[in-house]
Amino acid sequence: MKIAFFDAKEYEIAAFERHKREDIEFKFFETKLSEDTVSLAKGFDGVCVFVNDTVNAAVIDGLKENGVRIVALRCAGYNNVDVRHCFGKLHVVRVPAYSPYAVAEHAMALLLTSVRRIHKAYNRTREFNFSLSGLTGFDLHGKTVGVVGTGKIGRIFIDICKGFGMHVVAYDKFPDEESGIEYVSLDELFSRSDVISLHCPLTEETYHLIGKETLSKLKKGVIVLNTSRGALIDAEALLEGIKRRIVGAALLDVYEEESDLFFRDFSGHIVEDDVLARLISMPNVIVTSHQAFLTEEALDGIAETTVQNLIAFRNGDVMENELCYRCGSIEDCKKARKTRCF
């Protein structure tokens, strides 16, 4: 099989080289997949894409015309793929889990960095400023953290928070009543939480989960933490919440307009995204560039699962990680399916 690998980064290439097979050949392209670059996939059996590649209807039709038969996502999220339009044209597989500890631990790293002012202390001491003025933090012990989404990452984050002595409340559309987790409504979670951490997928229901209407429900001074999908938060509303002192801190590994910015070096350029520029300028905002997943263990897991997905496709096997719309619902279909999507 020949696979066109889009938006390739050095660290990804190294991981996939470690898991390469003689019967699967990857061609690495630095450019993202889009309507302008879809022609690069001509002659390939499949494409391997990441969260910021565009796989809309036009791209899907272009891939089909170019002979592509499978889209292999090297990530868990698939909101950038029109899976419904893929039905009957292209098979879509993903990596549903890759070192969930990586993302959960990064979320806690952001939280600790903020509440103990580590980033500010680091910058000071590099200039030999050893003053403690303005570095007063607070204990996490005894604080309430609201976790939205209790999948693998959310549960690991909950365990970490419990290790710090935090009280945990959670919301999930499909709560696990036998988990011992205290589930509450979203409104109650918003009103009670000192920290809100988002670990849910991006869907029509969760789009702008934290937005203008949400601000009035939040506990004053709440810390908002997002290591999931950028569009879970309305960035302009978040900025307004910070200015009104409702949001005490924002810790973001993702941003809703990140696709043209993240994973690239703009240090020598003027960034035209005014909202992001204003957020980064705030002293109580920390932004990392979608790096929560970035550990050696996670990269190896992504590469291994992606290769296994491609092998299953080539061999004609049922693909455990296939996404489809055969019965109208991606996840429910997967649970009931005993054959390939089509």
Protein backbone atom coordinates (compact mmCIF):
# COMPACT_ATOMS: atom_id res chain seq x y z
CA MET A 1 0.00 0.00 0.00
CA LYS A 2 1.08 3.54 -0.78
CA ILE A 3 -0.08 6.15 1.75
CA ALA A 4 0.15 9.93 1.34
CA PHE A 5 0.98 11.34 4.79
CA PHE A 6 -0.12 15.00 5.04
CA ASP A 7 0.98 17.73 7.47
CA ALA A 8 4.01 15.63 8.41
CA LYS A 9 6.19 16.79 11.29
CA GLU A 10 9.68 15.57 12.16
CA TYR A 11 8.60 13.90 15.41
CA GLU A 12 5.78 12.04 13.63
CA ILE A 13 8.01 10.86 10.81
CA ALA A 14 10.46 9.42 13.34
CA ALA A 15 7.66 7.49 15.09
CA PHE A 16 6.24 6.09 11.86
CA GLU A 17 9.70 5.11 10.67
CA ARG A 18 10.04 3.03 13.85
CA HIS A 19 6.84 1.18 12.97
CA LYS A 20 7.23 0.97 9.21
CA ARG A 21 6.57 -2.24 7.29
CA GLU A 22 7.84 -3.34 3.90
CA ASP A 23 4.29 -3.72 2.60
CA ILE A 24 3.21 -0.16 3.57
CA GLU A 25 4.99 2.82 2.05
CA PHE A 26 4.48 6.32 3.45
CA LYS A 27 5.17 9.43 1.39
CA PHE A 28 5.50 12.38 3.74
CA PHE A 29 4.16 15.79 2.69
CA GLU A 30 4.70 18.91 4.83
CA THR A 31 1.58 20.56 3.41
CA LYS A 32 -1.87 20.04 4.88
CA LEU A 33 -4.55 18.18 2.96
CA SER A 34 -7.04 20.61 1.44
CA GLU A 35 -8.91 21.28 -1.78
CA ASP A 36 -5.72 22.88 -3.14
CA THR A 37 -3.46 19.92 -2.29
CA VAL A 38 -5.76 16.93 -2.84
CA SER A 39 -4.10 16.28 -6.23
CA LEU A 40 -0.95 15.19 -4.37
CA ALA A 41 -2.84 12.04 -3.34
CA LYS A 42 -3.18 10.82 -6.93
CA GLY A 43 -1.80 7.31 -7.26
CA PHE A 44 -1.97 6.55 -3.55
CA ASP A 45 -4.14 3.91 -1.91
CA GLY A 46 -4.84 6.03 1.14
CA VAL A 47 -4.12 9.25 2.99
CA CYS A 48 -3.00 9.74 6.57
CA VAL A 49 -4.25 12.99 8.11
CA PHE A 50 -4.25 14.92 11.39
CA VAL A 51 -6.67 17.26 13.16
CA ASN A 52 -5.99 20.34 11.04
CA ASP A 53 -6.21 18.66 7.63
CA THR A 54 -9.41 19.41 5.71
CA VAL A 55 -11.44 16.40 4.63
CA ASN A 56 -14.65 18.02 3.46
CA ALA A 57 -16.97 16.90 0.66
CA ALA A 58 -14.86 18.46 -2.09
CA VAL A 59 -11.67 16.86 -0.79
CA ILE A 60 -13.40 13.50 -0.38
CA ASP A 61 -14.64 13.59 -3.97
CA GLY A 62 -11.15 14.56 -5.11
CA LEU A 63 -9.57 11.71 -3.17
CA LYS A 64 -12.06 9.24 -4.64
CA GLU A 65 -11.33 10.47 -8.18
CA ASN A 66 -7.59 10.07 -7.51
CA GLY A 67 -8.02 6.42 -6.54
CA VAL A 68 -7.76 6.80 -2.78
CA ARG A 69 -9.76 4.21 -0.83
CA ILE A 70 -9.09 4.97 2.84
CA VAL A 71 -8.60 7.97 5.14
CA ALA A 72 -6.46 7.07 8.15
CA LEU A 73 -6.75 9.62 10.94
CA ARG A 74 -3.72 9.59 13.22
CA CYS A 75 -5.79 11.14 16.01
CA ALA A 76 -8.97 10.49 17.98
CA GLY A 77 -11.04 13.48 16.87
CA TYR A 78 -12.77 13.44 13.49
CA ASN A 79 -14.72 16.71 13.38
CA ASN A 80 -12.55 17.80 10.42
CA VAL A 81 -13.83 14.86 8.34
CA ASP A 82 -17.23 14.78 6.65
CA VAL A 83 -17.76 11.15 7.61
CA ARG A 84 -21.31 11.16 6.25
CA HIS A 85 -20.05 12.15 2.79
CA CYS A 86 -17.39 9.43 2.99
CA PHE A 87 -20.02 6.69 3.20
CA GLY A 88 -19.83 4.48 0.13
CA LYS A 89 -16.74 6.31 -1.11
CA LEU A 90 -13.90 6.15 1.41
CA HIS A 91 -13.36 4.10 4.54
CA VAL A 92 -12.37 6.20 7.56
CA VAL A 93 -10.33 4.87 10.48
CA ARG A 94 -8.93 6.65 13.51
CA VAL A 95 -6.77 6.17 16.59
CA PRO A 96 -9.35 6.24 19.40
CA ALA A 97 -6.83 6.23 22.25
CA TYR A 98 -3.13 6.94 22.46
CA SER A 99 -1.55 7.31 25.86
CA PRO A 100 -4.47 9.11 27.50
CA TYR A 101 -2.04 9.76 30.35
CA ALA A 102 -0.19 12.19 28.09
CA VAL A 103 -3.20 14.51 27.70
CA ALA A 104 -4.39 14.18 31.31
CA GLU A 105 -0.91 14.87 32.68
CA HIS A 106 -0.50 17.90 30.41
CA ALA A 107 -3.81 19.25 31.69
CA MET A 108 -2.54 18.99 35.26
CA ALA A 109 0.80 20.52 34.23
CA LEU A 110 -1.04 23.56 32.86
CA LEU A 111 -3.12 23.82 36.02
CA LEU A 112 -0.12 23.62 38.34
CA THR A 113 1.84 26.07 36.21
CA SER A 114 -0.97 28.59 36.51
CA VAL A 115 -1.92 28.29 40.18
CA ARG A 116 1.71 28.28 41.37
CA ARG A 117 2.87 30.93 38.84
CA ILE A 118 5.67 28.68 37.57
CA HIS A 119 5.79 30.39 34.17
CA LYS A 120 6.23 33.81 35.75
CA ALA A 121 8.89 32.58 38.18
CA TYR A 122 10.79 30.92 35.33
CA ASN A 123 10.94 34.15 33.33
CA ARG A 124 11.99 36.16 36.40
CA THR A 125 14.82 33.96 37.57
CA ARG A 126 16.32 33.88 34.09
CA GLU A 127 16.88 37.60 34.60
CA PHE A 128 18.15 36.96 38.15
CA ASN A 129 15.03 38.48 39.66
CA PHE A 130 14.35 36.41 42.78
CA SER A 131 11.52 38.51 44.18
CA LEU A 132 8.38 36.61 45.27
CA SER A 133 6.07 39.58 44.78
CA GLY A 134 3.05 38.63 42.68
CA LEU A 135 3.78 34.91 42.76
CA THR A 136 1.31 33.92 45.47
CA GLY A 137 -0.72 30.91 44.38
CA PHE A 138 -3.28 28.71 46.12
CA ASP A 139 -3.69 25.09 47.16
CA LEU A 140 -5.51 22.70 44.85
CA HIS A 141 -6.34 20.56 47.89
CA GLY A 142 -9.99 21.01 48.82
CA LYS A 143 -10.95 22.83 45.60
CA THR A 144 -13.75 21.56 43.35
CA VAL A 145 -12.89 20.53 39.81
CA GLY A 146 -15.63 20.01 37.24
CA VAL A 147 -14.72 17.50 34.55
CA VAL A 148 -16.78 17.55 31.35
CA GLY A 149 -16.41 14.17 29.66
CA THR A 150 -15.48 11.00 31.55
CA GLY A 151 -13.86 8.90 28.87
CA LYS A 152 -10.35 7.51 29.34
CA ILE A 153 -8.63 10.90 29.48
CA GLY A 154 -11.28 12.45 31.70
CA ARG A 155 -11.10 9.58 34.18
CA ILE A 156 -7.32 9.67 34.36
CA PHE A 157 -7.49 13.42 34.98
CA ILE A 158 -10.06 12.77 37.71
CA ASP A 159 -7.70 10.28 39.37
CA ILE A 160 -4.88 12.83 39.25
CA CYS A 161 -7.10 15.49 40.79
CA LYS A 162 -8.17 13.13 43.56
CA GLY A 163 -4.49 12.54 44.28
CA PHE A 164 -4.21 16.26 45.01
CA GLY A 165 -7.16 16.06 47.38
CA MET A 166 -9.57 17.86 45.09
CA HIS A 167 -13.31 17.28 45.12
CA VAL A 168 -14.54 16.10 41.71
CA VAL A 169 -17.90 16.61 40.02
CA ALA A 170 -18.49 15.57 36.43
CA TYR A 171 -20.85 15.78 33.51
CA ASP A 172 -21.18 13.25 30.71
CA LYS A 173 -24.00 12.69 28.24
CA PHE A 174 -23.69 8.99 29.03
CA PRO A 175 -22.72 8.80 32.72
CA ASP A 176 -21.29 5.61 34.19
CA GLU A 177 -23.34 5.30 37.34
CA GLU A 178 -21.15 2.47 38.68
CA SER A 179 -17.91 4.46 38.42
CA GLY A 180 -18.22 6.20 41.78
CA ILE A 181 -18.00 9.58 40.03
CA GLU A 182 -20.38 12.29 41.23
CA TYR A 183 -22.33 13.28 38.11
CA VAL A 184 -24.20 16.57 38.06
CA SER A 185 -25.93 18.73 35.46
CA LEU A 186 -23.83 21.14 33.41
CA ASP A 187 -25.39 24.13 35.14
CA GLU A 188 -24.52 22.71 38.57
CA LEU A 189 -21.00 21.90 37.41
CA PHE A 190 -20.55 25.47 36.15
CA SER A 191 -21.81 27.02 39.40
CA ARG A 192 -19.82 24.79 41.79
CA SER A 193 -16.45 24.37 40.09
CA ASP A 194 -13.29 26.25 40.97
CA VAL A 195 -11.68 24.56 37.96
CA ILE A 196 -13.45 23.34 34.81
CA SER A 197 -11.58 20.90 32.59
CA LEU A 198 -12.96 19.86 29.20
CA HIS A 199 -12.39 16.29 27.99
CA CYS A 200 -15.30 15.76 25.59
CA PRO A 201 -15.51 15.45 21.80
CA LEU A 202 -16.60 18.32 19.58
CA THR A 203 -20.16 17.79 18.35
CA GLU A 204 -23.11 20.02 17.48
CA GLU A 205 -24.17 19.74 21.13
CA THR A 206 -20.78 20.65 22.60
CA TYR A 207 -19.90 23.44 20.14
CA HIS A 208 -19.20 26.59 22.22
CA LEU A 209 -20.07 24.68 25.38
CA ILE A 210 -18.52 27.62 27.18
CA GLY A 211 -19.85 30.75 25.52
CA LYS A 212 -21.65 34.02 26.15
CA GLU A 213 -24.68 32.37 27.75
CA THR A 214 -22.43 30.31 30.01
CA LEU A 215 -20.55 33.20 31.58
CA SER A 216 -23.36 34.09 33.98
CA LYS A 217 -23.42 30.49 35.26
CA LEU A 218 -19.73 30.26 36.12
CA LYS A 219 -18.33 30.62 39.60
CA LYS A 220 -16.44 33.91 39.84
CA GLY A 221 -12.71 33.37 39.39
CA VAL A 222 -13.06 29.92 37.81
CA ILE A 223 -10.10 28.43 35.96
CA VAL A 224 -11.07 27.12 32.51
CA LEU A 225 -8.88 24.32 31.14
CA ASN A 226 -9.19 22.89 27.62
CA THR A 227 -7.02 20.10 26.20
CA SER A 228 -9.76 18.63 24.00
CA ARG A 229 -11.09 20.62 21.00
CA GLY A 230 -10.77 24.35 20.50
CA ALA A 231 -14.35 25.06 19.45
CA LEU A 232 -15.69 23.78 22.77
CA ILE A 233 -14.97 27.34 23.89
CA ASP A 234 -16.14 30.56 22.23
CA ALA A 235 -12.81 32.41 22.31
CA GLU A 236 -14.38 35.87 22.14
CA ALA A 237 -16.74 35.02 25.01
CA LEU A 238 -13.78 33.65 26.98
CA LEU A 239 -11.92 36.92 26.44
CA GLU A 240 -14.97 38.82 27.67
CA GLY A 241 -15.16 36.57 30.73
CA ILE A 242 -11.52 37.29 31.57
CA LYS A 243 -12.01 41.06 31.19
CA ARG A 244 -15.08 40.93 33.45
CA ARG A 245 -13.07 38.98 36.06
CA ILE A 246 -15.46 36.03 35.82
CA VAL A 247 -12.75 33.73 34.47
CA GLY A 248 -9.74 33.78 36.77
CA ALA A 249 -7.46 31.96 34.34
CA ALA A 250 -7.66 30.24 30.96
CA LEU A 251 -5.35 27.32 30.17
CA LEU A 252 -5.62 26.30 26.54
CA ASP A 253 -3.85 23.61 24.57
CA VAL A 254 -6.36 24.06 21.74
CA TYR A 255 -7.98 27.04 20.04
CA GLU A 256 -10.99 27.15 17.76
CA GLU A 257 -9.14 28.92 14.93
CA GLU A 258 -5.89 27.02 15.36
CA SER A 259 -5.77 25.28 11.98
CA ASP A 260 -3.82 28.05 10.24
CA LEU A 261 -1.57 28.76 13.23
CA PHE A 262 -0.68 25.79 15.40
CA PHE A 263 2.24 23.49 14.55
CA ARG A 264 3.99 26.34 12.69
CA ASP A 265 6.57 28.99 13.66
CA PHE A 266 5.22 32.54 13.46
CA SER A 267 7.84 34.08 15.75
CA GLY A 268 9.07 36.34 12.95
CA HIS A 269 5.62 37.34 11.72
CA ILE A 270 2.63 39.38 12.81
CA VAL A 271 -0.23 37.11 13.83
CA GLU A 272 -3.44 38.48 12.38
CA ASP A 273 -5.76 36.63 14.77
CA ASP A 274 -6.61 39.48 17.15
CA VAL A 275 -8.53 37.28 19.60
CA LEU A 276 -5.64 34.86 20.05
CA ALA A 277 -3.15 37.73 20.29
CA ARG A 278 -5.22 39.35 23.04
CA LEU A 279 -5.61 36.06 24.91
CA ILE A 280 -1.88 35.37 24.86
CA SER A 281 -1.20 38.91 26.11
CA MET A 282 -3.29 38.29 29.24
CA PRO A 283 -1.22 37.52 32.36
CA ASN A 284 -3.68 34.83 33.47
CA VAL A 285 -3.76 32.93 30.17
CA ILE A 286 -1.44 30.08 29.18
CA VAL A 287 -1.57 28.74 25.62
CA THR A 288 0.29 25.68 24.40
CA SER A 289 0.09 24.69 20.75
CA HIS A 290 -1.89 21.43 20.81
CA GLN A 291 1.00 19.57 22.42
CA ALA A 292 -0.86 17.65 25.13
CA PHE A 293 -0.56 14.43 23.15
CA LEU A 294 3.15 14.87 22.46
CA THR A 295 5.01 12.15 24.33
CA GLU A 296 7.17 9.33 23.01
CA GLU A 297 4.64 6.80 24.26
CA ALA A 298 1.74 8.56 22.51
CA LEU A 299 3.60 8.94 19.22
CA ASP A 300 4.48 5.25 19.21
CA GLY A 301 0.89 4.34 20.02
CA ILE A 302 -0.45 6.53 17.20
CA ALA A 303 1.96 5.05 14.66
CA GLU A 304 1.33 1.46 15.74
CA THR A 305 -2.48 1.76 15.68
CA THR A 306 -2.48 3.60 12.35
CA VAL A 307 -0.36 0.89 10.74
CA GLN A 308 -2.62 -1.82 12.19
CA ASN A 309 -5.69 0.00 10.83
CA LEU A 310 -4.13 0.05 7.36
CA ILE A 311 -3.18 -3.63 7.55
CA ALA A 312 -6.75 -4.56 8.51
CA PHE A 313 -8.03 -2.57 5.53
CA ARG A 314 -5.57 -4.17 3.12
CA ASN A 315 -6.39 -7.68 4.38
CA GLY A 316 -10.13 -7.16 4.02
CA ASP A 317 -10.71 -7.55 7.77
CA VAL A 318 -13.38 -5.82 9.84
CA MET A 319 -11.75 -2.61 11.05
CA GLU A 320 -12.24 -2.10 14.76
CA ASN A 321 -11.50 1.63 14.50
CA GLU A 322 -13.62 2.38 11.43
CA LEU A 323 -16.03 5.33 11.50
CA CYS A 324 -19.11 5.36 9.31
CA TYR A 325 -22.70 6.48 8.84
CA ARG A 326 -24.24 3.20 7.72
CA CYS A 327 -26.92 3.36 10.40
CA GLY A 328 -26.80 7.14 10.89
CA SER A 329 -24.71 7.20 14.06
CA ILE A 330 -20.95 6.82 14.10
CA GLU A 331 -20.45 5.35 17.56
CA ASP A 332 -23.66 3.28 17.78
CA CYS A 333 -22.93 1.84 14.35
CA LYS A 334 -19.47 0.74 15.45
CA LYS A 335 -20.86 -1.10 18.47
CA ALA A 336 -23.39 -3.08 16.42
CA ARG A 337 -21.37 -3.65 13.24
CA LYS A 338 -20.02 -7.12 12.47
CA THR A 339 -18.82 -6.24 8.98
CA ARG A 340 -17.13 -3.30 7.30
CA CYS A 341 -19.03 -0.07 6.94
CA PHE A 342 -19.69 -0.80 3.27
